Protein backbone atom coordinates (compact mmCIF):
# COMPACT_ATOMS: atom_id res chain seq x y z
CA MET A 1 9.84 0.48 12.21
CA ARG A 2 6.74 0.76 10.06
CA SER A 3 6.60 -2.98 10.21
CA MET A 4 6.42 -3.06 14.01
CA LEU A 5 3.72 -0.40 14.11
CA LYS A 6 1.56 -2.68 11.96
CA LEU A 7 1.93 -5.43 14.55
CA ASN A 8 -1.07 -5.91 17.07
CA PHE A 9 -0.76 -5.26 20.67
CA PHE A 10 -0.02 -8.86 21.68
CA TYR A 11 3.02 -9.19 19.45
CA LYS A 12 4.21 -5.64 20.30
CA GLN A 13 4.32 -6.57 24.29
CA LEU A 14 5.89 -10.06 23.30
CA LEU A 15 8.64 -8.35 21.44
CA SER A 16 9.06 -5.52 23.99
CA PHE A 17 9.50 -8.06 26.69
CA ILE A 18 11.91 -10.12 24.55
CA ILE A 19 14.13 -6.92 23.79
CA ILE A 20 14.14 -5.91 27.28
CA GLY A 21 15.15 -9.22 28.45
CA VAL A 22 17.78 -10.39 25.96
CA ILE A 23 19.35 -7.31 24.61
CA PRO A 24 21.07 -6.37 28.20
CA LEU A 25 22.35 -9.82 28.42
CA ILE A 26 23.88 -9.53 24.79
CA ILE A 27 25.30 -6.23 25.71
CA ILE A 28 26.83 -7.52 28.80
CA GLY A 29 28.22 -10.68 27.51
CA SER A 30 29.47 -8.75 24.29
CA ILE A 31 31.29 -6.25 26.62
CA SER A 32 32.61 -9.23 28.97
CA TYR A 33 33.95 -10.98 25.65
CA ILE A 34 35.50 -7.88 24.31
CA PHE A 35 37.23 -7.06 27.64
CA CYS A 36 38.44 -10.49 28.17
CA THR A 37 39.82 -10.55 24.57
CA SER A 38 41.41 -7.39 25.23
CA VAL A 39 43.16 -8.47 28.44
CA LEU A 40 44.31 -11.59 26.89
CA GLN A 41 45.54 -10.01 23.72
CA ASP A 42 47.56 -7.29 25.85
CA SER A 43 48.79 -10.34 28.11
CA LEU A 44 49.94 -12.11 25.10
CA SER A 45 51.70 -9.42 23.18
CA LYS A 46 53.65 -8.71 26.65
CA GLN A 47 54.63 -12.27 26.91
CA ALA A 48 55.50 -12.40 23.23
CA LEU A 49 57.94 -9.48 23.96
CA SER A 50 59.19 -10.70 26.98
CA ASN A 51 60.01 -14.11 25.21
CA VAL A 52 61.71 -12.32 22.51
CA LEU A 53 63.78 -10.25 24.65
CA LYS A 54 64.85 -13.33 26.65
CA ILE A 55 65.99 -15.05 23.39
CA SER A 56 67.79 -12.08 22.26
CA GLU A 57 69.55 -11.82 25.65
CA GLY A 58 70.41 -15.65 25.47
CA ILE A 59 71.92 -15.03 22.00
CA ASP A 60 74.08 -12.10 23.26
CA LEU A 61 75.28 -14.11 26.28
CA LEU A 62 76.08 -17.08 23.92
CA THR A 63 77.69 -14.78 21.53
CA SER A 64 79.78 -13.19 24.23
CA GLU A 65 81.04 -16.62 25.49
CA LEU A 66 82.09 -17.61 22.14
CA GLY A 67 83.68 -14.16 21.40
CA GLU A 68 85.66 -14.69 24.66
CA ILE A 69 86.84 -18.24 23.15
CA ILE A 70 88.05 -16.45 19.93
CA VAL A 71 89.46 -13.42 21.47
CA TYR A 72 91.17 -14.67 24.87
CA LEU A 73 91.49 -18.45 24.70
CA LEU A 74 92.54 -19.03 21.15
CA CYS A 75 93.71 -15.67 19.36
CA GLU A 76 96.00 -15.24 22.47
CA ASP A 77 97.18 -18.65 22.88
CA ALA A 78 101.03 -18.97 22.43
CA GLN A 79 101.07 -22.41 20.75
CA ILE A 80 98.49 -21.21 18.04
CA ARG A 81 100.61 -18.18 17.35
CA LYS A 82 103.63 -20.57 17.09
CA ALA A 83 101.93 -22.62 14.54
CA PHE A 84 100.89 -19.53 12.42
CA GLN A 85 104.56 -18.44 12.45
CA GLN A 86 105.62 -21.92 11.53
CA ALA A 87 107.80 -22.57 14.75
CA PRO A 88 109.59 -25.79 15.00
CA ASP A 89 108.52 -26.45 18.51
CA VAL A 90 104.81 -26.25 17.85
CA ASP A 91 102.75 -28.52 20.07
CA VAL A 92 100.25 -29.72 17.62
CA ASN A 93 98.46 -32.16 20.15
CA TYR A 94 98.22 -29.43 22.71
CA ILE A 95 96.27 -27.25 20.19
CA ASN A 96 93.90 -30.03 18.96
CA ASN A 97 93.15 -31.03 22.77
CA ARG A 98 92.38 -27.54 23.54
CA MET A 99 90.17 -26.82 20.63
CA ARG A 100 88.29 -30.26 21.20
CA THR A 101 87.81 -29.28 24.83
CA LEU A 102 86.46 -25.76 24.08
CA ALA A 103 84.25 -27.18 21.31
CA SER A 104 82.71 -30.04 23.51
CA LYS A 105 82.03 -27.83 26.36
CA ARG A 106 79.71 -25.46 24.24
CA ASP A 107 78.81 -27.71 21.40
CA VAL A 108 80.38 -25.51 18.74
CA GLY A 109 82.65 -26.10 15.83
CA ILE A 110 86.00 -24.37 15.77
CA PHE A 111 88.27 -24.03 12.84
CA ILE A 112 91.81 -22.40 12.70
CA SER A 113 93.48 -21.61 9.50
CA ASP A 114 96.66 -19.61 8.50
CA THR A 115 96.62 -17.23 5.59
CA THR A 116 98.11 -20.01 3.12
CA GLY A 117 95.78 -22.87 4.27
CA MET A 118 99.00 -24.82 5.17
CA VAL A 119 98.07 -25.13 8.69
CA ASN A 120 94.46 -26.26 9.44
CA PHE A 121 92.88 -27.22 12.78
CA SER A 122 89.34 -27.97 13.05
CA THR A 123 86.97 -29.91 15.24
CA ARG A 124 84.64 -30.81 12.53
CA GLU A 125 84.76 -31.40 8.71
CA VAL A 126 85.75 -28.03 7.14
CA PRO A 127 83.09 -26.54 4.92
CA GLU A 128 84.19 -24.90 1.81
CA ILE A 129 83.61 -21.42 3.06
CA TYR A 130 86.31 -21.81 5.81
CA ASN A 131 88.76 -22.89 3.21
CA ILE A 132 91.45 -20.10 3.08
CA SER A 133 92.99 -21.42 -0.40
CA VAL A 134 89.49 -21.12 -1.96
CA ASN A 135 87.95 -18.05 -0.27
CA GLN A 136 90.98 -15.90 0.47
CA GLY A 137 90.15 -12.16 0.51
CA GLN A 138 86.18 -12.86 0.28
CA GLY A 139 83.56 -14.05 2.24
CA ILE A 140 84.19 -14.60 6.02
CA PHE A 141 87.85 -13.84 5.51
CA ALA A 142 87.23 -10.71 3.99
CA ALA A 143 84.99 -9.59 6.81
CA ALA A 144 87.57 -10.74 9.49
CA ASP A 145 90.29 -8.74 7.69
CA ALA A 146 88.20 -5.66 7.92
CA LEU A 147 87.71 -5.63 11.56
CA LYS A 148 90.85 -4.55 13.45
CA ASN A 149 89.74 -5.57 17.04
CA GLY A 150 87.16 -7.81 18.49
CA PHE A 151 85.39 -10.32 16.24
CA ILE A 152 82.87 -10.41 13.41
CA ILE A 153 79.33 -12.10 13.20
CA TYR A 154 79.00 -13.54 9.83
CA PRO A 155 75.68 -14.87 8.72
CA ASN A 156 76.20 -18.36 7.21
CA ASN A 157 72.79 -18.09 5.39
CA ARG A 158 74.61 -16.37 2.44
CA HIS A 159 75.94 -19.68 1.46
CA ASN A 160 74.02 -22.52 0.28
CA ASN A 161 76.38 -25.28 1.11
CA LEU A 162 75.92 -25.02 4.77
CA GLY A 163 72.46 -26.49 4.66
CA ASP A 164 69.96 -25.32 7.74
CA SER A 165 72.07 -26.43 10.52
CA THR A 166 74.48 -23.53 10.93
CA VAL A 167 73.15 -20.12 11.95
CA PHE A 168 76.10 -17.85 12.00
CA SER A 169 79.81 -17.95 12.51
CA LEU A 170 82.15 -15.78 14.73
CA ALA A 171 85.52 -14.92 13.29
CA ARG A 172 88.80 -13.06 14.04
CA ALA A 173 91.90 -12.40 12.21
CA ILE A 174 95.25 -12.95 14.15
CA ARG A 175 97.63 -10.52 13.38
CA ASP A 176 101.32 -10.14 13.84
CA LEU A 177 103.45 -7.10 15.12
CA LYS A 178 102.87 -5.20 11.92
CA ASP A 179 98.96 -5.80 12.24
CA ARG A 180 99.15 -8.15 9.18
CA PRO A 181 96.81 -11.28 9.30
CA ILE A 182 98.80 -14.56 9.92
CA GLY A 183 95.82 -16.57 10.76
CA TYR A 184 91.90 -16.85 11.46
CA VAL A 185 89.96 -18.38 14.17
CA ILE A 186 86.27 -19.26 13.27
CA VAL A 187 83.84 -20.56 15.73
CA GLU A 188 80.48 -21.99 14.24
CA LEU A 189 77.12 -21.51 16.12
CA SER A 190 74.57 -24.24 15.29
CA LYS A 191 70.85 -23.92 15.23
CA GLU A 192 70.45 -26.23 18.29
CA HIS A 193 71.91 -23.62 20.60
CA LEU A 194 68.76 -21.59 19.75
CA PHE A 195 66.65 -24.30 20.33
CA ASN A 196 68.14 -24.72 23.75
CA ILE A 197 67.54 -20.94 24.46
CA ASN A 198 63.86 -21.15 23.58
CA TYR A 199 63.22 -24.34 25.72
CA ARG A 200 64.52 -22.66 28.76
CA LEU A 201 61.98 -20.04 28.25
CA ASN A 202 59.14 -22.57 28.72
CA THR A 203 56.82 -20.88 26.28
CA VAL A 204 53.05 -22.15 25.97
CA TYR A 205 51.84 -19.80 23.20
CA ASN A 206 53.02 -21.78 20.14
CA MET A 207 55.38 -18.87 19.08
CA ASN A 208 57.66 -19.03 16.21
CA PHE A 209 61.01 -17.31 16.33
CA LEU A 210 63.30 -15.86 13.60
CA VAL A 211 66.90 -14.47 13.98
CA LEU A 212 67.78 -11.84 11.25
CA ASP A 213 71.11 -10.53 10.53
CA PRO A 214 71.74 -6.59 10.26
CA GLU A 215 70.56 -6.63 6.74
CA TYR A 216 67.25 -8.30 7.89
CA CYS A 217 68.14 -11.63 6.02
CA ILE A 218 66.99 -14.67 8.03
CA LEU A 219 69.61 -16.57 9.91
CA SER A 220 67.37 -18.96 11.44
CA ASN A 221 63.68 -20.09 11.76
CA LEU A 222 63.19 -22.30 14.78
CA TYR A 223 60.04 -23.89 13.98
CA ASN A 224 58.29 -23.01 10.81
CA PRO A 225 60.43 -22.54 7.67
CA GLN A 226 57.34 -21.76 5.59
CA ALA A 227 56.70 -18.56 7.51
CA GLU A 228 59.96 -16.87 6.73
CA LYS A 229 58.94 -15.18 3.48
CA GLU A 230 55.18 -14.45 4.78
CA ILE A 231 56.67 -12.74 7.81
CA LEU A 232 59.04 -10.49 5.93
CA GLN A 233 56.43 -9.45 3.55
CA THR A 234 54.64 -7.68 6.27
CA ALA A 235 55.29 -4.36 7.84
CA LEU A 236 58.11 -5.93 9.69
CA ILE A 237 60.88 -4.31 8.16
CA GLU A 238 59.37 -0.69 8.35
CA LYS A 239 58.90 -1.58 12.09
CA LEU A 240 62.53 -2.60 12.56
CA ASN A 241 63.91 0.59 10.78
CA ASN A 242 61.74 2.71 13.27
CA ALA A 243 62.31 1.08 16.64
CA LYS A 244 64.63 -1.08 18.43
CA SER A 245 62.18 -3.23 20.17
CA GLY A 246 58.30 -3.52 20.29
CA VAL A 247 55.15 -5.55 19.46
CA PHE A 248 52.40 -5.05 16.84
CA LEU A 249 49.43 -6.88 15.44
CA ASP A 250 49.71 -8.15 11.72
CA ARG A 251 47.85 -10.26 9.13
CA ILE A 252 49.43 -13.33 7.45
CA ASN A 253 47.36 -15.56 5.17
CA ASN A 254 44.12 -14.19 6.59
CA ARG A 255 45.39 -14.98 10.17
CA ARG A 256 45.98 -12.28 12.88
CA ILE A 257 49.23 -12.58 14.55
CA PHE A 258 51.27 -10.80 17.03
CA VAL A 259 54.72 -9.80 15.90
CA ALA A 260 57.34 -9.07 18.87
CA PHE A 261 60.95 -7.92 17.78
CA ASN A 262 64.10 -6.73 19.52
CA ARG A 263 67.36 -5.78 17.95
CA SER A 264 70.46 -6.53 20.02
CA LYS A 265 73.14 -3.67 20.50
CA TYR A 266 75.73 -6.11 21.13
CA THR A 267 75.50 -8.44 17.90
CA GLY A 268 73.21 -6.36 15.84
CA LEU A 269 71.03 -9.37 15.30
CA THR A 270 67.16 -9.03 15.37
CA THR A 271 65.10 -11.66 16.97
CA VAL A 272 61.51 -11.99 15.85
CA GLY A 273 58.66 -13.82 17.67
CA THR A 274 55.28 -14.55 16.22
CA VAL A 275 52.23 -15.94 17.88
CA PRO A 276 48.67 -16.30 16.22
CA ILE A 277 45.82 -14.48 17.63
CA ASP A 278 43.81 -17.85 17.50
CA TYR A 279 45.26 -18.53 20.74
CA VAL A 280 43.35 -15.67 22.32
CA VAL A 281 40.21 -16.82 20.58
CA GLU A 282 40.53 -20.31 21.70
CA ASN A 283 40.67 -19.03 25.25
CA THR A 284 37.80 -16.51 24.88
CA ASN A 285 35.49 -18.94 22.89
CA PHE A 286 34.45 -20.31 26.10
CA ILE A 287 33.21 -16.87 27.19
CA LYS A 288 31.41 -16.42 23.87
CA ASN A 289 29.81 -19.94 24.11
CA ILE A 290 28.64 -19.34 27.55
CA THR A 291 27.19 -15.79 26.36
CA ILE A 292 25.47 -17.54 23.46
CA LEU A 293 24.08 -20.26 25.73
CA ALA A 294 22.94 -17.83 28.40
CA CYS A 295 21.14 -15.65 25.62
CA ILE A 296 19.62 -18.71 24.27
CA LEU A 297 18.18 -19.85 27.79
CA CYS A 298 17.07 -16.19 28.57
CA LEU A 299 15.50 -15.96 25.31
CA ALA A 300 13.52 -18.98 25.97
CA ILE A 301 12.55 -17.79 29.36
CA CYS A 302 11.72 -14.50 27.97
CA LEU A 303 9.59 -15.91 25.28
CA VAL A 304 7.49 -17.92 27.98
CA LEU A 305 7.26 -15.09 30.24
CA ALA A 306 6.44 -12.55 27.84
CA TYR A 307 3.90 -14.73 26.10
CA PHE A 308 1.93 -15.01 29.65
CA MET A 309 2.48 -11.36 30.37
CA ALA A 310 1.50 -10.05 27.03
CA ARG A 311 -1.40 -12.40 26.78
CA THR A 312 -2.51 -11.03 30.18
CA VAL A 313 -2.36 -7.37 29.06
CA SER A 314 -3.41 -8.18 25.35
CA GLN A 315 -6.50 -10.47 26.01
CA PRO A 316 -8.82 -7.82 27.73
CA ILE A 317 -7.62 -5.16 25.32
CA ASN A 318 -8.59 -7.55 22.34
CA GLU A 319 -11.87 -8.05 23.99
CA LEU A 320 -12.39 -4.37 24.36
CA VAL A 321 -11.52 -3.88 20.63
CA ARG A 322 -13.85 -6.56 19.57
CA CYS A 323 -16.78 -4.92 21.55
CA MET A 324 -15.74 -1.52 20.16
CA ARG A 325 -16.19 -2.83 16.73
CA GLN A 326 -19.54 -4.42 17.67
CA VAL A 327 -20.55 -0.99 18.75
CA GLU A 328 -19.21 0.65 15.62
CA ALA A 329 -21.46 -1.74 13.75
CA GLY A 330 -24.38 -0.66 15.59
CA ASP A 331 -24.72 -3.16 18.22
CA LEU A 332 -25.18 -1.02 21.37
CA GLU A 333 -26.21 -4.08 23.66
CA THR A 334 -22.53 -5.48 23.69
CA ARG A 335 -20.76 -5.41 27.05
CA VAL A 336 -17.08 -6.38 28.25
CA GLU A 337 -16.72 -8.56 31.17
CA PHE A 338 -13.60 -7.77 33.17
CA SER A 339 -13.34 -9.09 36.71
CA SER A 340 -10.06 -7.22 37.45
CA SER A 341 -9.97 -4.25 39.69
CA ASP A 342 -6.81 -2.63 37.81
CA GLU A 343 -6.66 0.04 35.10
CA ILE A 344 -8.06 -2.33 32.42
CA GLY A 345 -10.93 -3.43 34.67
CA LEU A 346 -11.84 0.36 35.19
CA LEU A 347 -11.41 0.86 31.50
CA GLY A 348 -13.94 -2.01 30.79
CA LYS A 349 -16.52 -0.60 33.46
CA ASN A 350 -16.20 2.79 32.03
CA PHE A 351 -16.75 1.55 28.27
CA ASN A 352 -19.94 -0.41 29.64
CA LYS A 353 -21.23 2.92 31.01
CA MET A 354 -20.46 4.69 27.90
CA VAL A 355 -22.11 2.17 25.72
CA ALA A 356 -25.16 2.01 28.01
CA ARG A 357 -25.34 5.94 27.94
CA LEU A 358 -24.84 5.99 24.07
CA ASN A 359 -27.71 3.21 23.69
CA TYR A 360 -29.93 5.43 25.75
CA LEU A 361 -29.24 8.56 23.81
CA VAL A 362 -29.57 6.63 20.44
CA THR A 363 -32.74 4.97 21.53
CA SER A 364 -34.05 8.40 22.64
CA ILE A 365 -33.11 10.13 19.44
CA THR A 366 -34.54 7.37 17.33
CA GLU A 367 -37.81 7.31 19.11
CA LYS A 368 -37.86 11.27 18.97
CA GLN A 369 -37.14 11.16 15.22
CA GLU A 370 -39.84 8.43 14.71
CA ARG A 371 -42.39 10.57 16.55
CA LEU A 372 -41.40 13.58 14.70
CA LYS A 373 -41.72 11.57 11.34
CA GLN A 374 -44.98 10.22 12.21
CA ALA A 375 -46.28 13.52 13.24
CA GLU A 376 -45.11 15.05 10.04
CA ILE A 377 -46.67 12.28 7.98
CA LYS A 378 -49.99 12.91 9.80
CA ALA A 379 -49.71 16.58 9.24
CA LEU A 380 -49.15 15.94 5.60
CA GLN A 381 -51.98 13.79 5.41
CA ALA A 382 -54.24 16.10 7.34
CA GLN A 383 -53.09 18.83 4.77
CA ILE A 384 -54.46 16.85 1.97
CA ASN A 385 -57.70 15.39 3.24
CA PRO A 386 -59.40 18.66 3.97
CA HIS A 387 -58.22 20.03 0.60
CA PHE A 388 -59.95 17.00 -1.23
CA LEU A 389 -62.92 17.32 1.17
CA TYR A 390 -63.47 20.89 0.50
CA ASN A 391 -63.49 20.45 -3.43
CA THR A 392 -65.94 17.73 -3.09
CA LEU A 393 -68.33 19.47 -0.90
CA ASP A 394 -68.08 22.52 -3.38
CA THR A 395 -69.26 20.07 -6.27
CA ILE A 396 -72.03 18.59 -3.89
CA LYS A 397 -73.25 22.27 -3.45
CA TRP A 398 -73.50 23.03 -7.01
CA LEU A 399 -75.28 19.84 -7.85
CA ALA A 400 -77.76 20.46 -5.13
CA LYS A 401 -78.25 23.82 -6.35
CA LEU A 402 -78.88 22.33 -9.84
CA ASN A 403 -81.14 19.69 -8.51
CA MET A 404 -79.28 16.89 -10.04
CA VAL A 405 -80.42 14.10 -7.61
CA ASP A 406 -79.06 11.19 -9.29
CA GLU A 407 -75.49 12.56 -9.51
CA LEU A 408 -75.82 14.01 -5.97
CA LYS A 409 -76.64 10.38 -4.65
CA VAL A 410 -73.82 8.95 -6.51
CA ILE A 411 -71.17 11.55 -5.26
CA VAL A 412 -72.34 11.09 -1.85
CA VAL A 413 -72.07 7.50 -1.94
CA GLU A 414 -68.39 7.62 -3.42
CA LEU A 415 -67.51 10.48 -0.95
CA GLY A 416 -68.69 8.10 1.88
CA LYS A 417 -66.43 5.35 0.66
CA LEU A 418 -63.47 7.85 0.41
CA LEU A 419 -64.20 9.07 3.97
CA ARG A 420 -64.20 5.47 5.27
CA SER A 421 -61.00 4.62 3.60
CA THR A 422 -58.99 7.71 4.26
CA ILE A 423 -60.43 9.67 7.14
CA THR A 424 -62.02 6.94 9.37
CA SER A 425 -59.18 4.38 8.64
CA HIS A 426 -56.24 4.44 11.08
CA LYS A 427 -54.10 2.47 8.58
CA GLU A 428 -51.08 4.36 7.29
CA MET A 429 -50.38 1.74 4.55
CA VAL A 430 -52.83 0.21 2.11
CA THR A 431 -52.40 -2.08 -0.84
CA VAL A 432 -52.24 -0.95 -4.26
CA ALA A 433 -55.74 -2.48 -5.03
CA GLU A 434 -56.92 -0.25 -2.09
CA SER A 435 -55.19 2.71 -3.36
CA ILE A 436 -56.86 2.18 -6.85
CA ALA A 437 -60.28 1.77 -5.41
CA THR A 438 -59.89 5.13 -3.81
CA ILE A 439 -58.73 6.71 -7.01
CA GLU A 440 -61.85 5.07 -8.63
CA SER A 441 -64.12 6.61 -6.27
CA TYR A 442 -62.41 9.97 -6.63
CA ILE A 443 -62.74 9.72 -10.29
CA LYS A 444 -66.33 9.21 -10.16
CA ILE A 445 -66.90 12.16 -8.25
CA GLN A 446 -64.77 14.18 -10.71
CA LYS A 447 -66.56 12.96 -13.64
CA ILE A 448 -69.66 14.17 -12.19
CA ARG A 449 -68.20 17.60 -12.07
CA TYR A 450 -66.45 17.53 -15.49
CA ARG A 451 -68.74 15.32 -17.22
CA GLU A 452 -67.78 14.41 -20.80
CA ARG A 453 -64.64 16.61 -20.63
CA LEU A 454 -62.84 14.08 -18.41
CA GLN A 455 -61.65 10.65 -19.90
CA VAL A 456 -59.94 8.29 -17.57
CA THR A 457 -58.07 5.37 -18.22
CA ILE A 458 -56.51 3.22 -15.56
CA MET A 459 -54.03 0.22 -16.39
CA ILE A 460 -52.67 -1.56 -13.27
CA SER A 461 -50.62 -4.66 -13.52
CA PRO A 462 -52.40 -7.36 -11.59
CA ASP A 463 -49.30 -8.59 -10.25
CA ILE A 464 -48.78 -5.35 -7.90
CA TYR A 465 -52.09 -5.34 -6.34
CA ASP A 466 -50.83 -6.87 -3.01
CA TYR A 467 -47.96 -4.56 -2.47
CA HIS A 468 -48.17 -1.73 -0.06
CA LEU A 469 -47.87 2.14 -0.34
CA PRO A 470 -48.75 4.95 2.05
CA LYS A 471 -52.57 5.92 1.70
CA LEU A 472 -53.51 8.93 -0.20
CA LEU A 473 -50.42 8.89 -2.26
CA LEU A 474 -51.66 8.60 -5.53
CA GLN A 475 -55.04 10.47 -5.14
CA PRO A 476 -53.27 13.93 -4.84
CA ILE A 477 -51.50 13.42 -8.07
CA VAL A 478 -54.52 12.57 -9.90
CA GLU A 479 -56.05 15.52 -8.53
CA ASN A 480 -53.08 17.70 -9.25
CA ALA A 481 -53.43 16.68 -12.98
CA ILE A 482 -57.05 17.29 -13.42
CA ILE A 483 -56.81 20.73 -11.46
CA HIS A 484 -53.76 22.08 -13.27
CA GLY A 485 -53.44 19.81 -16.32
CA LEU A 486 -57.01 19.58 -17.70
CA GLU A 487 -59.19 22.05 -16.15
CA ASN A 488 -57.67 24.92 -18.05
CA LYS A 489 -57.75 22.87 -21.35
CA VAL A 490 -60.23 23.86 -23.93
CA GLY A 491 -62.44 20.80 -24.77
CA LYS A 492 -62.00 17.34 -23.53
CA GLY A 493 -59.10 16.00 -21.75
CA SER A 494 -57.79 12.51 -20.98
CA LEU A 495 -56.03 11.00 -17.91
CA MET A 496 -54.19 7.77 -17.79
CA ILE A 497 -53.02 5.91 -14.68
CA ASN A 498 -50.43 3.22 -15.17
CA GLY A 499 -48.83 0.98 -12.60
CA ARG A 500 -46.19 -1.66 -12.95
CA ARG A 501 -43.25 -3.42 -11.43
CA GLU A 502 -39.59 -2.88 -12.66
CA ASP A 503 -37.03 -4.94 -10.67
CA ASP A 504 -37.54 -4.20 -7.02
CA LYS A 505 -39.55 -1.00 -7.56
CA LEU A 506 -43.09 0.19 -8.06
CA ILE A 507 -43.77 2.67 -10.94
CA PHE A 508 -46.78 4.61 -11.13
CA GLU A 509 -47.32 7.01 -13.89
CA VAL A 510 -50.21 9.65 -13.97
CA ILE A 511 -50.43 11.13 -17.65
CA ASP A 512 -52.55 14.08 -18.98
CA ASP A 513 -52.78 15.66 -22.33
CA GLY A 514 -53.70 19.28 -20.62
CA VAL A 515 -52.02 22.39 -20.97
CA GLY A 516 -48.61 21.17 -19.96
CA ILE A 517 -45.86 23.06 -18.02
CA GLU A 518 -43.30 25.60 -19.24
CA ALA A 519 -39.77 24.69 -19.02
CA LYS A 520 -38.60 27.10 -16.52
CA LYS A 521 -41.56 26.13 -14.11
CA LEU A 522 -40.94 22.55 -14.71
CA ALA A 523 -37.30 22.81 -13.61
CA LEU A 524 -38.56 24.55 -10.49
CA ILE A 525 -41.17 21.90 -9.83
CA ASN A 526 -38.65 19.02 -10.23
CA ALA A 527 -36.30 20.93 -7.81
CA LYS A 528 -38.90 21.65 -5.23
CA LYS A 529 -41.71 19.10 -6.22
CA ASP A 530 -44.21 22.05 -5.80
CA LEU A 531 -46.74 23.05 -8.41
CA SER A 532 -48.13 26.11 -6.84
CA SER A 533 -47.32 28.44 -4.13
CA THR A 534 -51.03 28.94 -3.65
CA SER A 535 -52.86 27.60 -0.45
CA ASP A 536 -55.62 25.82 -2.35
CA SER A 537 -53.48 23.75 -4.59
CA ILE A 538 -52.38 20.25 -4.06
CA GLY A 539 -48.73 20.35 -3.56
CA LEU A 540 -46.37 17.82 -5.06
CA GLN A 541 -43.78 18.72 -2.39
CA ASN A 542 -46.20 17.23 0.01
CA VAL A 543 -46.31 13.86 -1.57
CA ASN A 544 -42.68 13.82 -2.40
CA ARG A 545 -41.89 14.66 1.38
CA ARG A 546 -44.03 11.80 2.55
CA ILE A 547 -42.37 9.33 0.32
CA GLN A 548 -38.89 10.35 1.41
CA LEU A 549 -39.99 10.24 4.90
CA TYR A 550 -41.06 6.75 4.58
CA TYR A 551 -38.40 5.45 2.24
CA GLY A 552 -35.49 7.86 1.97
CA PRO A 553 -33.93 10.17 -0.74
CA ASP A 554 -33.66 7.27 -3.51
CA TYR A 555 -37.48 7.37 -4.07
CA GLY A 556 -39.97 10.06 -4.91
CA LEU A 557 -41.54 12.07 -7.87
CA GLN A 558 -40.27 13.19 -11.28
CA LEU A 559 -42.10 15.26 -13.69
CA THR A 560 -41.73 15.81 -17.49
CA SER A 561 -44.02 18.02 -19.75
CA GLN A 562 -44.26 19.70 -22.94
CA PRO A 563 -46.33 22.83 -23.03
CA GLY A 564 -49.65 22.32 -24.88
CA SER A 565 -49.13 18.59 -24.95
CA GLY A 566 -49.58 17.26 -21.35
CA THR A 567 -47.41 16.22 -18.38
CA ILE A 568 -46.34 13.01 -16.93
CA VAL A 569 -45.67 12.56 -13.22
CA THR A 570 -43.66 9.34 -12.47
CA LEU A 571 -43.81 7.96 -8.93
CA CYS A 572 -41.08 5.54 -7.63
CA LEU A 573 -41.53 3.44 -4.65
CA PRO A 574 -40.00 0.20 -3.14
CA LEU A 575 -41.38 -2.96 -3.72
CA LEU A 576 -42.80 -3.95 -0.36
CA TYR A 577 -45.35 -6.37 1.26
CA LYS A 578 -47.33 -5.56 4.33
CA GLY A 579 -45.08 -5.34 7.27
CA GLN A 580 -41.86 -4.85 5.54
CA VAL A 581 -39.74 -1.75 6.22
CA MET A 582 -36.92 0.06 4.66
C-alpha cells in the first residue's frame, strides 16, 4: 500500500484502469471455470456411480444365471445323481454333452466330482483346487459342505495356481436323502465375462474397475493391475464398512480420483470404479485457456486505453505541479496554459489568477518594504548629520570667541567638505576611499578642538579602496570613540582606524585607549548596540540598524573593552562593488 502511495499520479491512474478492467474479467473467468469444473465433477461422479451399479447388476445377473445352472440343471439332473450313486445305467455321454452345451452357451467352465474323486466330469482341464482327492474337506469343498441350500461364491484369488484368468467360482454340494454330500458341481467364472459387461456400458471416462469379495480381497482388476494395492490403501475400506453404495474423492500417487462403489446384496461382492479427475481438468482447460487469453487481450487493451486516459488526465496535472514548484521557487511570472473547459481547465485558470494576485501582493509588499527601508535609512542618516553638525558649529563658536582665525579657517574648509560629501550628496553608497576622506576631514576638525590630546592613526589596506559601503557609517563610530572614550581621559589619547579584507568581508576596527567600558554596560551595548540613552550621544544602535537594513543580520558591530584600557569597535560588512546588492 505504501509503495502505491509513492507512485506519481500517472502511474496511479494507469494502475487503477488496469485493475478496473482486468480484475472483473479474472473474477468472472475464475467463477466460470470453478462452476464448470464443479458441474463436470458432479456429472463425472454420478456417471461413475451409475457405471459401477450397472456392472454390479451385470455380475448379479450373471451369477444368478450360473446359479440356476448349478441348482436346477445340474444338481437336479437324474443322470448326474445316478453317476454319483454309481448306478449301472448311467449315460456318461448324456452328462458330457449336457455340460458342454451349458458351458458353451455361457463360456464357463463346469466341473463335476463325487466325494471320492472317482467320477469326474469337466469341460476344461481340472485345476488342482477342484481335485477332491487333494482338497477334500478344505477350500471350495469345505465351503460347499457348509452350505445346506443354494450355492456358494468362492473367490479364486486365494489360490495362486489359477493365474489371473478366473475371477471366482460357484459351487454346490449334491446331497442324498440323509443330507450327506455325494458330489459337487462347480461353475468357474472367467475375467472375460466382466470385460463383456463393461464393454456393454460404453464408458468414455477411462474408468478402472475392481471386484472385491466379502472380505475386500480383489477378485479382479479389469484394466490396471498396478492400481490394486493403491486403491485398497485409501479410505475405501472405511467407506465400504459404512455404506452399501457411494462415491467419494480420493488421492492416489498425487492424483485425485473419483472412487465409486456398490456392494451386491445377492452375491456379497463389491464393485469399485475409479476415474481420474484429470478427465475433468482436460475438459475445463479449454475454459481456463480462453479465460487466460481473454485476460491477456483485455490487459493489452486496458494498457493502451489506460495509458492514453491517464496521460490525458495526468499531463495537465503534472504541468500544474511544475508551475507550482516554480512559484514555490519564487517565479511568480509562470503561468499554465490549459485550453480545455473542463474541471482541469478551470483549475488552471484559477491557478493563474491566484499567481497573478500573489505576484501583485508580493510586489506591493516588496515595494512597500523597500520604501520603508529607505525611509528608515534616511531617517537614521538625518539623525546623525545634525548631531555632527551641532558639535562642529559648537567648536566654531568657541574658536571665534578665542579669535583663532587660522584654526577657524581650517575647520570651516573641512566642514564644507563634509557638507558636500554628506548633506548635499544624494548618494547612499560611497567608496572606502571616499569614506576615509570624510573621516580625515572630521578628524582635522576634532584635532583643532582637542589639539595635542588627540592622536589619530589611519591604516587602510589599499586593495579595499574601491569597495562600497553606506555613507556616514564609519564617522559616527569614530565620533563615538572620541566623545565617550577619549574625552573623559586624563592626558593624551590615541585613536587607530584599521581597514582590511578577510575572505568575502570588509573588516574595520576603531581602536581607542580611552576610559573603556564596564563589563555590565559592555554586555548591554553588544546586545542593543547603544552606547547611551541620552539624546546628544551618537548611538551605535543607529549604525548597526543601518547595516542590517542594508545587508541583513549576519553583519554589524561588535565591541570589546577593558575599563581603563580602551575600546575596540569591529565593523563587519560584505565585500561589494558599486551596483552589487545582497
